[in-house]
Amino acid sequence: MANIKSAKKRILVNETKAARNKAIKSKVKTYVKKVETAVAKKDAETAKAALKDAIVEINKAGSKGVYHKNTCSRKISRLTKAVNGIA
């Protein structure tokens, strides 16, 4: 454990941010999984609806700095391609 006050604060702040990032990443994974499940079942309507929700969550994560913007674009692109493949 650190002795300097500022170092102690950094440890606490980093733990808080890590917990927030973990929660956001988990939420994104859940939405992505919903899209992939719908694609696997070849259910186009459900997949499109799930894709819209997933895109919103991925973009939110990107705007909060959890994911890099290129990572967000890649995830969205792959999901969209998968959904369009079953249409």
Protein backbone atom coordinates (compact mmCIF):
# COMPACT_ATOMS: atom_id res chain seq x y z
CA MET A 1 0.00 0.00 0.00
CA ALA A 2 1.19 3.48 -0.83
CA ASN A 3 2.24 5.96 1.86
CA ILE A 4 1.77 9.20 -0.06
CA LYS A 5 -1.71 10.70 0.09
CA SER A 6 -1.98 11.32 -3.66
CA ALA A 7 -0.87 7.75 -4.41
CA LYS A 8 -3.56 6.41 -2.06
CA LYS A 9 -6.15 8.51 -3.86
CA ARG A 10 -4.99 7.25 -7.26
CA ILE A 11 -5.42 3.66 -6.07
CA LEU A 12 -9.00 4.37 -4.94
CA VAL A 13 -9.88 6.28 -8.11
CA ASN A 14 -8.41 3.54 -10.32
CA GLU A 15 -10.45 0.88 -8.51
CA THR A 16 -13.62 2.93 -9.01
CA LYS A 17 -12.92 3.45 -12.72
CA ALA A 18 -12.01 -0.21 -13.22
CA ALA A 19 -15.31 -1.30 -11.66
CA ARG A 20 -17.24 1.13 -13.89
CA ASN A 21 -15.41 -0.03 -17.02
CA LYS A 22 -16.02 -3.67 -16.10
CA ALA A 23 -19.75 -3.05 -15.69
CA ILE A 24 -19.99 -1.23 -19.03
CA LYS A 25 -18.02 -3.94 -20.87
CA SER A 26 -20.23 -6.60 -19.34
CA LYS A 27 -23.36 -4.76 -20.49
CA VAL A 28 -21.98 -4.47 -24.04
CA LYS A 29 -21.14 -8.20 -24.09
CA THR A 30 -24.70 -9.02 -23.01
CA TYR A 31 -26.20 -6.99 -25.87
CA VAL A 32 -23.74 -8.48 -28.38
CA LYS A 33 -24.66 -11.96 -27.19
CA LYS A 34 -28.37 -11.22 -27.76
CA VAL A 35 -27.63 -10.28 -31.37
CA GLU A 36 -25.46 -13.36 -31.93
CA THR A 37 -28.12 -15.63 -30.45
CA ALA A 38 -30.77 -14.18 -32.75
CA VAL A 39 -28.43 -14.59 -35.74
CA ALA A 40 -27.77 -18.21 -34.78
CA LYS A 41 -31.53 -18.85 -34.66
CA LYS A 42 -31.90 -17.05 -38.03
CA ASP A 43 -34.53 -14.75 -36.52
CA ALA A 44 -34.15 -11.59 -38.63
CA GLU A 45 -36.63 -9.35 -36.80
CA THR A 46 -35.26 -10.08 -33.34
CA ALA A 47 -31.71 -9.72 -34.64
CA LYS A 48 -32.41 -6.28 -36.12
CA ALA A 49 -34.05 -5.08 -32.92
CA ALA A 50 -31.20 -6.45 -30.81
CA LEU A 51 -28.67 -4.88 -33.19
CA LYS A 52 -30.14 -1.39 -32.67
CA ASP A 53 -29.86 -1.78 -28.89
CA ALA A 54 -26.33 -3.17 -29.18
CA ILE A 55 -25.17 -0.29 -31.37
CA VAL A 56 -26.45 2.23 -28.83
CA GLU A 57 -24.63 0.49 -25.97
CA ILE A 58 -21.40 0.11 -27.95
CA ASN A 59 -21.43 3.79 -28.89
CA LYS A 60 -22.09 4.79 -25.27
CA ALA A 61 -19.10 2.72 -24.17
CA GLY A 62 -16.99 4.41 -26.83
CA SER A 63 -18.05 7.89 -25.80
CA LYS A 64 -17.19 7.13 -22.16
CA GLY A 65 -13.72 6.00 -23.13
CA VAL A 66 -14.19 2.34 -22.30
CA TYR A 67 -13.54 1.29 -25.91
CA HIS A 68 -11.51 3.02 -28.62
CA LYS A 69 -13.62 4.41 -31.45
CA ASN A 70 -12.11 1.96 -33.95
CA THR A 71 -12.97 -0.93 -31.64
CA CYS A 72 -16.57 0.30 -31.51
CA SER A 73 -16.69 0.58 -35.29
CA ARG A 74 -15.29 -2.93 -35.70
CA LYS A 75 -17.79 -4.46 -33.27
CA ILE A 76 -20.73 -2.67 -34.91
CA SER A 77 -19.53 -3.61 -38.39
CA ARG A 78 -19.20 -7.29 -37.56
CA LEU A 79 -22.61 -7.44 -35.89
CA THR A 80 -24.27 -5.60 -38.78
CA LYS A 81 -22.62 -7.91 -41.29
CA ALA A 82 -23.87 -10.95 -39.38
CA VAL A 83 -27.44 -9.60 -39.20
CA ASN A 84 -27.47 -8.67 -42.89
CA GLY A 85 -26.20 -12.14 -43.72
CA ILE A 86 -29.39 -13.79 -42.46
CA ALA A 87 -31.79 -11.34 -44.12
